[in-house]
């Protein structure tokens, strides 16, 4: 089918600026930022735990961060543990820390002079002595996390609740995507024990101080040069107002050829472009032509 007339665009198609078209960070990029925050956390947490553990400064090694669903994390944390939920950042995103239950009971036994011995079957809940140990570790870990996350400023962190079983905490929806990282704490020749961090992948940019891709730098604004193109060749009508007087309507209606109107030329003649006065000057002569000598630039 051949159209009888040409199609004409109704309006210009929308064109988005680069800032709107810029893609967001990929999960792999966010996990790398989380790992770097984990390295900072390992250094600060190592120094914080040394007085509590009663030994030399422990070595803490962060493992690579990974993406998991909340139900996948729950499958690996079915046993007894100290599962602490925090509200992190200005949006109070949920942040979960997990202390291994066996490791906590070992620390309690050693604090009372034991040899870090724990029963083969862990109890259903922590004894009061273990709760006190967890409180101290949780407080130290919270301060270290707040200092390590948040970019240039410390992260606001508020403890919400703690449960011995992750299923009782109900911290995340089962299908929520999480960023998970484990830190292995090693005290000398003893076996290492884990501290696990988990938070929603969607909340990771704000919590690790991610600002997105930097916007292209804009040149500093500068005044337009009237002597440069394309302004230099632009013609503008310039008028010199020699006489500006008021005449009654009756006198104007009586005008006829031969009438003489006395006028007085102003000392400062205004030069105008449209309705704007750009300069003032005095009337004179140059090369046998009437000229205006500028005395003031508006």
C-alpha atoms as a PDB file:
ATOM      1  CA  UNK A   1       0.000   0.000   0.000  1.00  0.00           C
ATOM      2  CA  UNK A   2       1.395   3.378  -0.984  1.00  0.00           C
ATOM      3  CA  UNK A   3       0.572   6.243   1.369  1.00  0.00           C
ATOM      4  CA  UNK A   4      -0.986   9.327  -0.189  1.00  0.00           C
ATOM      5  CA  UNK A   5       1.010  11.719   1.945  1.00  0.00           C
ATOM      6  CA  UNK A   6       4.369  11.757   3.721  1.00  0.00           C
ATOM      7  CA  UNK A   7       4.405  11.103   7.422  1.00  0.00           C
ATOM      8  CA  UNK A   8       5.669  13.981   9.548  1.00  0.00           C
ATOM      9  CA  UNK A   9       6.907  13.480  13.096  1.00  0.00           C
ATOM     10  CA  UNK A  10       4.662  15.158  15.625  1.00  0.00           C
ATOM     11  CA  UNK A  11       7.562  16.040  17.906  1.00  0.00           C
ATOM     12  CA  UNK A  12      11.212  15.303  18.526  1.00  0.00           C
ATOM     13  CA  UNK A  13      11.874  11.854  19.960  1.00  0.00           C
ATOM     14  CA  UNK A  14      13.034  11.836  23.572  1.00  0.00           C
ATOM     15  CA  UNK A  15      16.767  11.559  24.142  1.00  0.00           C
ATOM     16  CA  UNK A  16      17.935  10.586  27.605  1.00  0.00           C
ATOM     17  CA  UNK A  17      21.093  11.936  29.151  1.00  0.00           C
ATOM     18  CA  UNK A  18      23.971   9.540  29.982  1.00  0.00           C
ATOM     19  CA  UNK A  19      23.151   9.786  33.706  1.00  0.00           C
ATOM     20  CA  UNK A  20      19.708   8.214  33.105  1.00  0.00           C
ATOM     21  CA  UNK A  21      21.061   5.542  30.777  1.00  0.00           C
ATOM     22  CA  UNK A  22      23.906   4.529  33.098  1.00  0.00           C
ATOM     23  CA  UNK A  23      23.430   0.967  34.318  1.00  0.00           C
ATOM     24  CA  UNK A  24      23.403   0.086  37.981  1.00  0.00           C
ATOM     25  CA  UNK A  25      26.135  -2.004  39.610  1.00  0.00           C
ATOM     26  CA  UNK A  26      26.136  -5.722  38.836  1.00  0.00           C
ATOM     27  CA  UNK A  27      25.913  -8.251  41.704  1.00  0.00           C
ATOM     28  CA  UNK A  28      29.523  -9.308  41.092  1.00  0.00           C
ATOM     29  CA  UNK A  29      30.670  -5.690  41.476  1.00  0.00           C
ATOM     30  CA  UNK A  30      28.724  -5.313  44.718  1.00  0.00           C
ATOM     31  CA  UNK A  31      30.170  -8.532  46.126  1.00  0.00           C
ATOM     32  CA  UNK A  32      33.693  -7.258  45.409  1.00  0.00           C
ATOM     33  CA  UNK A  33      32.905  -4.090  47.363  1.00  0.00           C
ATOM     34  CA  UNK A  34      31.545  -6.271  50.172  1.00  0.00           C
ATOM     35  CA  UNK A  35      34.791  -8.252  50.204  1.00  0.00           C
ATOM     36  CA  UNK A  36      36.840  -5.064  50.505  1.00  0.00           C
ATOM     37  CA  UNK A  37      34.658  -4.013  53.425  1.00  0.00           C
ATOM     38  CA  UNK A  38      35.256  -7.492  54.867  1.00  0.00           C
ATOM     39  CA  UNK A  39      39.008  -6.911  54.756  1.00  0.00           C
ATOM     40  CA  UNK A  40      38.595  -3.710  56.766  1.00  0.00           C
ATOM     41  CA  UNK A  41      36.286  -5.528  59.155  1.00  0.00           C
ATOM     42  CA  UNK A  42      38.826  -8.323  59.648  1.00  0.00           C
ATOM     43  CA  UNK A  43      41.532  -5.861  60.700  1.00  0.00           C
ATOM     44  CA  UNK A  44      39.367  -3.943  63.170  1.00  0.00           C
ATOM     45  CA  UNK A  45      37.661  -7.040  64.584  1.00  0.00           C
ATOM     46  CA  UNK A  46      40.990  -8.786  65.104  1.00  0.00           C
ATOM     47  CA  UNK A  47      42.234  -5.999  67.372  1.00  0.00           C
ATOM     48  CA  UNK A  48      38.879  -5.765  69.188  1.00  0.00           C
ATOM     49  CA  UNK A  49      38.687  -9.480  70.023  1.00  0.00           C
ATOM     50  CA  UNK A  50      42.248  -9.832  71.342  1.00  0.00           C
ATOM     51  CA  UNK A  51      41.500  -8.725  74.970  1.00  0.00           C
ATOM     52  CA  UNK A  52      38.369 -10.893  75.108  1.00  0.00           C
ATOM     53  CA  UNK A  53      40.051 -14.045  73.880  1.00  0.00           C
ATOM     54  CA  UNK A  54      42.932 -13.660  76.320  1.00  0.00           C
ATOM     55  CA  UNK A  55      45.566 -14.445  73.733  1.00  0.00           C
ATOM     56  CA  UNK A  56      47.639 -12.796  71.060  1.00  0.00           C
ATOM     57  CA  UNK A  57      45.785 -10.860  68.413  1.00  0.00           C
ATOM     58  CA  UNK A  58      43.784 -13.456  66.472  1.00  0.00           C
ATOM     59  CA  UNK A  59      44.121 -13.810  62.740  1.00  0.00           C
ATOM     60  CA  UNK A  60      40.906 -13.218  60.811  1.00  0.00           C
ATOM     61  CA  UNK A  61      40.654 -14.199  57.161  1.00  0.00           C
ATOM     62  CA  UNK A  62      37.579 -13.151  55.159  1.00  0.00           C
ATOM     63  CA  UNK A  63      36.424 -15.646  52.540  1.00  0.00           C
ATOM     64  CA  UNK A  64      35.044 -14.567  49.131  1.00  0.00           C
ATOM     65  CA  UNK A  65      31.557 -13.095  49.369  1.00  0.00           C
ATOM     66  CA  UNK A  66      28.791 -15.021  47.625  1.00  0.00           C
ATOM     67  CA  UNK A  67      25.157 -14.595  46.700  1.00  0.00           C
ATOM     68  CA  UNK A  68      22.637 -16.917  48.374  1.00  0.00           C
ATOM     69  CA  UNK A  69      18.910 -17.100  48.845  1.00  0.00           C
ATOM     70  CA  UNK A  70      17.753 -16.778  52.427  1.00  0.00           C
ATOM     71  CA  UNK A  71      16.457 -20.344  52.489  1.00  0.00           C
ATOM     72  CA  UNK A  72      19.832 -21.628  51.248  1.00  0.00           C
ATOM     73  CA  UNK A  73      21.556 -19.805  54.109  1.00  0.00           C
ATOM     74  CA  UNK A  74      19.072 -21.287  56.584  1.00  0.00           C
ATOM     75  CA  UNK A  75      19.844 -24.814  55.403  1.00  0.00           C
ATOM     76  CA  UNK A  76      23.493 -24.377  56.388  1.00  0.00           C
ATOM     77  CA  UNK A  77      22.673 -22.797  59.772  1.00  0.00           C
ATOM     78  CA  UNK A  78      20.191 -25.300  61.195  1.00  0.00           C
ATOM     79  CA  UNK A  79      22.087 -25.886  64.452  1.00  0.00           C
ATOM     80  CA  UNK A  80      22.588 -23.817  67.592  1.00  0.00           C
ATOM     81  CA  UNK A  81      24.217 -20.448  67.059  1.00  0.00           C
ATOM     82  CA  UNK A  82      24.099 -16.798  68.055  1.00  0.00           C
ATOM     83  CA  UNK A  83      22.004 -15.250  65.271  1.00  0.00           C
ATOM     84  CA  UNK A  84      21.875 -11.489  65.822  1.00  0.00           C
ATOM     85  CA  UNK A  85      19.793  -9.121  63.699  1.00  0.00           C
ATOM     86  CA  UNK A  86      20.768  -5.449  63.309  1.00  0.00           C
ATOM     87  CA  UNK A  87      19.146  -2.465  61.598  1.00  0.00           C
ATOM     88  CA  UNK A  88      21.867  -0.951  59.413  1.00  0.00           C
ATOM     89  CA  UNK A  89      22.147   2.447  57.807  1.00  0.00           C
ATOM     90  CA  UNK A  90      19.648   5.241  57.330  1.00  0.00           C
ATOM     91  CA  UNK A  91      17.141   2.822  55.743  1.00  0.00           C
ATOM     92  CA  UNK A  92      17.630   0.346  58.630  1.00  0.00           C
ATOM     93  CA  UNK A  93      18.297  -2.574  56.291  1.00  0.00           C
ATOM     94  CA  UNK A  94      18.449  -5.969  58.046  1.00  0.00           C
ATOM     95  CA  UNK A  95      22.000  -7.160  58.726  1.00  0.00           C
ATOM     96  CA  UNK A  96      22.578 -10.611  60.211  1.00  0.00           C
ATOM     97  CA  UNK A  97      25.634 -11.844  62.117  1.00  0.00           C
ATOM     98  CA  UNK A  98      26.057 -15.507  63.018  1.00  0.00           C
ATOM     99  CA  UNK A  99      28.410 -16.902  65.671  1.00  0.00           C
ATOM    100  CA  UNK A 100      28.934 -20.659  65.619  1.00  0.00           C
ATOM    101  CA  UNK A 101      27.345 -22.249  68.702  1.00  0.00           C
ATOM    102  CA  UNK A 102      30.168 -24.711  69.295  1.00  0.00           C
ATOM    103  CA  UNK A 103      32.750 -21.916  69.117  1.00  0.00           C
ATOM    104  CA  UNK A 104      30.825 -19.858  71.678  1.00  0.00           C
ATOM    105  CA  UNK A 105      30.635 -22.782  74.133  1.00  0.00           C
ATOM    106  CA  UNK A 106      34.356 -23.398  73.672  1.00  0.00           C
ATOM    107  CA  UNK A 107      35.102 -19.782  74.634  1.00  0.00           C
ATOM    108  CA  UNK A 108      32.892 -20.103  77.724  1.00  0.00           C
ATOM    109  CA  UNK A 109      34.586 -23.338  78.826  1.00  0.00           C
ATOM    110  CA  UNK A 110      38.026 -21.797  78.410  1.00  0.00           C
ATOM    111  CA  UNK A 111      36.965 -18.669  80.320  1.00  0.00           C
ATOM    112  CA  UNK A 112      36.142 -20.898  83.308  1.00  0.00           C
ATOM    113  CA  UNK A 113      39.490 -22.669  83.172  1.00  0.00           C
ATOM    114  CA  UNK A 114      38.509 -25.542  80.898  1.00  0.00           C
ATOM    115  CA  UNK A 115      40.187 -26.902  77.790  1.00  0.00           C
ATOM    116  CA  UNK A 116      37.624 -25.673  75.278  1.00  0.00           C
ATOM    117  CA  UNK A 117      35.677 -28.921  75.587  1.00  0.00           C
ATOM    118  CA  UNK A 118      32.024 -29.046  74.518  1.00  0.00           C
ATOM    119  CA  UNK A 119      29.510 -31.901  74.581  1.00  0.00           C
ATOM    120  CA  UNK A 120      29.020 -33.986  71.464  1.00  0.00           C
ATOM    121  CA  UNK A 121      25.408 -32.850  71.246  1.00  0.00           C
ATOM    122  CA  UNK A 122      24.859 -29.132  71.673  1.00  0.00           C
ATOM    123  CA  UNK A 123      22.066 -27.981  73.992  1.00  0.00           C
ATOM    124  CA  UNK A 124      18.814 -26.519  72.666  1.00  0.00           C
ATOM    125  CA  UNK A 125      19.705 -23.066  73.950  1.00  0.00           C
ATOM    126  CA  UNK A 126      22.717 -21.263  75.358  1.00  0.00           C
ATOM    127  CA  UNK A 127      23.286 -21.196  79.130  1.00  0.00           C
ATOM    128  CA  UNK A 128      23.375 -17.750  80.837  1.00  0.00           C
ATOM    129  CA  UNK A 129      27.189 -17.781  80.918  1.00  0.00           C
ATOM    130  CA  UNK A 130      27.258 -18.205  77.132  1.00  0.00           C
ATOM    131  CA  UNK A 131      24.753 -15.399  76.701  1.00  0.00           C
ATOM    132  CA  UNK A 132      27.133 -13.057  78.508  1.00  0.00           C
ATOM    133  CA  UNK A 133      29.979 -14.126  76.223  1.00  0.00           C
ATOM    134  CA  UNK A 134      27.766 -13.574  73.168  1.00  0.00           C
ATOM    135  CA  UNK A 135      26.820 -10.091  74.411  1.00  0.00           C
ATOM    136  CA  UNK A 136      30.475  -9.107  74.594  1.00  0.00           C
ATOM    137  CA  UNK A 137      31.394 -10.554  71.196  1.00  0.00           C
ATOM    138  CA  UNK A 138      28.280  -9.047  69.623  1.00  0.00           C
ATOM    139  CA  UNK A 139      29.100  -5.606  71.008  1.00  0.00           C
ATOM    140  CA  UNK A 140      32.678  -5.734  69.718  1.00  0.00           C
ATOM    141  CA  UNK A 141      31.590  -7.098  66.342  1.00  0.00           C
ATOM    142  CA  UNK A 142      28.890  -4.410  65.998  1.00  0.00           C
ATOM    143  CA  UNK A 143      31.415  -1.618  66.531  1.00  0.00           C
ATOM    144  CA  UNK A 144      33.814  -3.164  64.012  1.00  0.00           C
ATOM    145  CA  UNK A 145      31.050  -3.639  61.431  1.00  0.00           C
ATOM    146  CA  UNK A 146      29.862  -0.048  61.837  1.00  0.00           C
ATOM    147  CA  UNK A 147      33.412   1.211  61.251  1.00  0.00           C
ATOM    148  CA  UNK A 148      34.086  -1.081  58.267  1.00  0.00           C
ATOM    149  CA  UNK A 149      30.852  -0.487  56.344  1.00  0.00           C
ATOM    150  CA  UNK A 150      29.251   2.729  55.161  1.00  0.00           C
ATOM    151  CA  UNK A 151      32.077   4.145  53.049  1.00  0.00           C
ATOM    152  CA  UNK A 152      33.725   7.282  54.447  1.00  0.00           C
ATOM    153  CA  UNK A 153      31.396   7.598  57.444  1.00  0.00           C
ATOM    154  CA  UNK A 154      30.675   4.996  60.112  1.00  0.00           C
ATOM    155  CA  UNK A 155      27.514   3.013  59.574  1.00  0.00           C
ATOM    156  CA  UNK A 156      24.598   3.504  61.952  1.00  0.00           C
ATOM    157  CA  UNK A 157      23.948   0.073  63.493  1.00  0.00           C
ATOM    158  CA  UNK A 158      21.186  -0.814  65.948  1.00  0.00           C
ATOM    159  CA  UNK A 159      20.746  -4.245  67.551  1.00  0.00           C
ATOM    160  CA  UNK A 160      17.222  -5.621  67.183  1.00  0.00           C
ATOM    161  CA  UNK A 161      17.046  -9.172  68.534  1.00  0.00           C
ATOM    162  CA  UNK A 162      18.947 -12.447  68.851  1.00  0.00           C
ATOM    163  CA  UNK A 163      17.891 -16.087  68.605  1.00  0.00           C
ATOM    164  CA  UNK A 164      19.635 -19.418  69.066  1.00  0.00           C
ATOM    165  CA  UNK A 165      17.992 -20.765  65.901  1.00  0.00           C
ATOM    166  CA  UNK A 166      17.977 -18.888  62.611  1.00  0.00           C
ATOM    167  CA  UNK A 167      14.487 -20.182  61.830  1.00  0.00           C
ATOM    168  CA  UNK A 168      13.159 -18.413  64.949  1.00  0.00           C
ATOM    169  CA  UNK A 169      14.660 -15.078  63.900  1.00  0.00           C
ATOM    170  CA  UNK A 170      12.641 -14.706  60.666  1.00  0.00           C
ATOM    171  CA  UNK A 171      15.092 -12.103  59.371  1.00  0.00           C
ATOM    172  CA  UNK A 172      14.506 -12.453  55.604  1.00  0.00           C
ATOM    173  CA  UNK A 173      11.935 -13.742  53.155  1.00  0.00           C
ATOM    174  CA  UNK A 174      12.861 -17.276  51.983  1.00  0.00           C
ATOM    175  CA  UNK A 175      13.534 -16.183  48.381  1.00  0.00           C
ATOM    176  CA  UNK A 176      15.388 -12.945  49.210  1.00  0.00           C
ATOM    177  CA  UNK A 177      18.812 -12.650  47.591  1.00  0.00           C
ATOM    178  CA  UNK A 178      21.544 -12.147  50.176  1.00  0.00           C
ATOM    179  CA  UNK A 179      25.206 -11.191  50.123  1.00  0.00           C
ATOM    180  CA  UNK A 180      26.964 -13.586  52.502  1.00  0.00           C
ATOM    181  CA  UNK A 181      30.556 -13.536  53.743  1.00  0.00           C
ATOM    182  CA  UNK A 182      32.317 -15.690  56.330  1.00  0.00           C
ATOM    183  CA  UNK A 183      35.287 -14.570  58.419  1.00  0.00           C
ATOM    184  CA  UNK A 184      37.477 -17.332  59.827  1.00  0.00           C
ATOM    185  CA  UNK A 185      38.922 -16.459  63.261  1.00  0.00           C
ATOM    186  CA  UNK A 186      42.099 -18.337  64.161  1.00  0.00           C
ATOM    187  CA  UNK A 187      43.669 -18.186  67.625  1.00  0.00           C
ATOM    188  CA  UNK A 188      47.214 -19.465  67.370  1.00  0.00           C
ATOM    189  CA  UNK A 189      47.306 -23.226  66.829  1.00  0.00           C
ATOM    190  CA  UNK A 190      43.628 -23.727  67.696  1.00  0.00           C
ATOM    191  CA  UNK A 191      41.061 -24.586  65.083  1.00  0.00           C
ATOM    192  CA  UNK A 192      39.442 -21.582  63.425  1.00  0.00           C
ATOM    193  CA  UNK A 193      35.831 -20.634  64.070  1.00  0.00           C
ATOM    194  CA  UNK A 194      33.518 -18.664  61.770  1.00  0.00           C
ATOM    195  CA  UNK A 195      31.715 -15.349  61.996  1.00  0.00           C
ATOM    196  CA  UNK A 196      29.154 -14.966  59.187  1.00  0.00           C
ATOM    197  CA  UNK A 197      27.620 -11.770  57.841  1.00  0.00           C
ATOM    198  CA  UNK A 198      24.509 -11.673  55.646  1.00  0.00           C
ATOM    199  CA  UNK A 199      22.506  -8.749  54.281  1.00  0.00           C
ATOM    200  CA  UNK A 200      20.111  -8.168  51.368  1.00  0.00           C
ATOM    201  CA  UNK A 201      21.882  -7.791  48.057  1.00  0.00           C
ATOM    202  CA  UNK A 202      19.607  -4.839  47.226  1.00  0.00           C
ATOM    203  CA  UNK A 203      20.795  -2.980  50.355  1.00  0.00           C
ATOM    204  CA  UNK A 204      24.482  -3.567  49.630  1.00  0.00           C
ATOM    205  CA  UNK A 205      25.181  -0.368  47.590  1.00  0.00           C
ATOM    206  CA  UNK A 206      24.128   1.923  50.444  1.00  0.00           C
ATOM    207  CA  UNK A 207      25.844  -0.145  53.131  1.00  0.00           C
ATOM    208  CA  UNK A 208      29.234  -0.373  51.425  1.00  0.00           C
ATOM    209  CA  UNK A 209      29.287   3.273  50.320  1.00  0.00           C
ATOM    210  CA  UNK A 210      28.765   2.552  46.613  1.00  0.00           C
ATOM    211  CA  UNK A 211      28.016   5.787  44.711  1.00  0.00           C
ATOM    212  CA  UNK A 212      27.569   4.309  41.276  1.00  0.00           C
ATOM    213  CA  UNK A 213      29.626   5.291  38.276  1.00  0.00           C
ATOM    214  CA  UNK A 214      30.950   8.795  38.537  1.00  0.00           C
ATOM    215  CA  UNK A 215      29.106  11.253  36.382  1.00  0.00           C
ATOM    216  CA  UNK A 216      31.204  12.829  33.653  1.00  0.00           C
ATOM    217  CA  UNK A 217      32.775  16.060  34.775  1.00  0.00           C
ATOM    218  CA  UNK A 218      31.048  19.134  33.466  1.00  0.00           C
ATOM    219  CA  UNK A 219      33.195  22.031  32.284  1.00  0.00           C
ATOM    220  CA  UNK A 220      33.117  25.086  34.471  1.00  0.00           C
ATOM    221  CA  UNK A 221      30.646  27.675  33.176  1.00  0.00           C
ATOM    222  CA  UNK A 222      32.272  30.638  31.468  1.00  0.00           C
ATOM    223  CA  UNK A 223      30.991  33.864  29.987  1.00  0.00           C
ATOM    224  CA  UNK A 224      30.289  33.861  26.265  1.00  0.00           C
ATOM    225  CA  UNK A 225      32.846  35.793  24.213  1.00  0.00           C
ATOM    226  CA  UNK A 226      30.997  38.246  21.893  1.00  0.00           C
ATOM    227  CA  UNK A 227      34.072  38.440  19.647  1.00  0.00           C
ATOM    228  CA  UNK A 228      34.036  34.673  19.025  1.00  0.00           C
ATOM    229  CA  UNK A 229      31.873  32.660  16.689  1.00  0.00           C
ATOM    230  CA  UNK A 230      28.951  32.251  16.394  1.00  0.00           C
ATOM    231  CA  UNK A 231      28.179  35.492  18.231  1.00  0.00           C
ATOM    232  CA  UNK A 232      30.634  37.747  16.366  1.00  0.00           C
ATOM    233  CA  UNK A 233      28.657  37.739  13.086  1.00  0.00           C
ATOM    234  CA  UNK A 234      25.222  38.188  14.658  1.00  0.00           C
ATOM    235  CA  UNK A 235      23.695  41.514  13.409  1.00  0.00           C
ATOM    236  CA  UNK A 236      21.935  43.640  16.042  1.00  0.00           C
ATOM    237  CA  UNK A 237      20.095  46.946  15.327  1.00  0.00           C
ATOM    238  CA  UNK A 238      21.661  49.760  17.384  1.00  0.00           C
ATOM    239  CA  UNK A 239      19.731  53.021  17.803  1.00  0.00           C
ATOM    240  CA  UNK A 240      20.892  56.366  19.225  1.00  0.00           C
ATOM    241  CA  UNK A 241      18.030  58.320  20.799  1.00  0.00           C
ATOM    242  CA  UNK A 242      18.852  61.971  20.114  1.00  0.00           C
ATOM    243  CA  UNK A 243      15.487  63.370  21.197  1.00  0.00           C
ATOM    244  CA  UNK A 244      12.980  61.968  23.615  1.00  0.00           C
ATOM    245  CA  UNK A 245      10.222  64.470  24.380  1.00  0.00           C
ATOM    246  CA  UNK A 246       6.561  64.574  25.249  1.00  0.00           C
ATOM    247  CA  UNK A 247       4.134  66.534  23.012  1.00  0.00           C
ATOM    248  CA  UNK A 248       0.451  67.067  23.845  1.00  0.00           C
ATOM    249  CA  UNK A 249      -2.032  65.185  21.720  1.00  0.00           C
ATOM    250  CA  UNK A 250      -3.616  68.463  20.629  1.00  0.00           C
ATOM    251  CA  UNK A 251      -0.267  69.712  19.277  1.00  0.00           C
ATOM    252  CA  UNK A 252       0.346  66.460  17.438  1.00  0.00           C
ATOM    253  CA  UNK A 253      -3.130  66.569  15.864  1.00  0.00           C
ATOM    254  CA  UNK A 254      -2.400  70.092  14.604  1.00  0.00           C
ATOM    255  CA  UNK A 255       0.906  69.211  12.911  1.00  0.00           C
ATOM    256  CA  UNK A 256       1.254  70.046   9.226  1.00  0.00           C
ATOM    257  CA  UNK A 257       4.148  70.554   6.786  1.00  0.00           C
ATOM    258  CA  UNK A 258       6.187  73.642   7.712  1.00  0.00           C
ATOM    259  CA  UNK A 259       5.664  73.413  11.472  1.00  0.00           C
ATOM    260  CA  UNK A 260       8.797  73.809  13.573  1.00  0.00           C
ATOM    261  CA  UNK A 261       9.260  71.858  16.818  1.00  0.00           C
ATOM    262  CA  UNK A 262      11.993  73.173  19.123  1.00  0.00           C
ATOM    263  CA  UNK A 263      14.050  70.270  20.512  1.00  0.00           C
ATOM    264  CA  UNK A 264      16.955  69.971  22.907  1.00  0.00           C
ATOM    265  CA  UNK A 265      19.489  67.208  22.318  1.00  0.00           C
ATOM    266  CA  UNK A 266      20.395  65.490  25.565  1.00  0.00           C
ATOM    267  CA  UNK A 267      23.976  65.690  26.771  1.00  0.00           C
ATOM    268  CA  UNK A 268      24.056  61.922  27.302  1.00  0.00           C
ATOM    269  CA  UNK A 269      22.562  60.231  24.249  1.00  0.00           C
ATOM    270  CA  UNK A 270      21.408  56.670  25.026  1.00  0.00           C
ATOM    271  CA  UNK A 271      22.370  53.808  22.714  1.00  0.00           C
ATOM    272  CA  UNK A 272      19.777  51.045  22.700  1.00  0.00           C
ATOM    273  CA  UNK A 273      19.333  47.523  21.419  1.00  0.00           C
ATOM    274  CA  UNK A 274      15.628  46.992  21.451  1.00  0.00           C
ATOM    275  CA  UNK A 275      14.370  48.260  24.813  1.00  0.00           C
ATOM    276  CA  UNK A 276      17.735  47.836  26.596  1.00  0.00           C
ATOM    277  CA  UNK A 277      20.148  50.741  26.986  1.00  0.00           C
ATOM    278  CA  UNK A 278      23.713  49.454  26.599  1.00  0.00           C
ATOM    279  CA  UNK A 279      25.689  52.716  26.582  1.00  0.00           C
ATOM    280  CA  UNK A 280      25.532  56.525  26.623  1.00  0.00           C
ATOM    281  CA  UNK A 281      27.534  59.148  24.712  1.00  0.00           C
ATOM    282  CA  UNK A 282      27.777  62.724  23.456  1.00  0.00           C
ATOM    283  CA  UNK A 283      27.034  63.945  19.930  1.00  0.00           C
ATOM    284  CA  UNK A 284      29.983  65.153  17.878  1.00  0.00           C
ATOM    285  CA  UNK A 285      31.504  64.850  14.400  1.00  0.00           C
ATOM    286  CA  UNK A 286      34.166  62.689  12.780  1.00  0.00           C
ATOM    287  CA  UNK A 287      35.232  62.755   9.111  1.00  0.00           C
ATOM    288  CA  UNK A 288      32.407  65.221   8.337  1.00  0.00           C
ATOM    289  CA  UNK A 289      29.866  62.779   9.748  1.00  0.00           C
ATOM    290  CA  UNK A 290      27.748  63.002  12.861  1.00  0.00           C
ATOM    291  CA  UNK A 291      29.196  60.668  15.501  1.00  0.00           C
ATOM    292  CA  UNK A 292      28.679  59.693  19.132  1.00  0.00           C
ATOM    293  CA  UNK A 293      31.549  59.489  21.600  1.00  0.00           C
ATOM    294  CA  UNK A 294      30.850  56.895  24.264  1.00  0.00           C
ATOM    295  CA  UNK A 295      31.100  58.181  27.788  1.00  0.00           C
ATOM    296  CA  UNK A 296      29.436  55.350  29.737  1.00  0.00           C
ATOM    297  CA  UNK A 297      28.836  51.619  29.279  1.00  0.00           C
ATOM    298  CA  UNK A 298      25.636  50.413  30.965  1.00  0.00           C
END
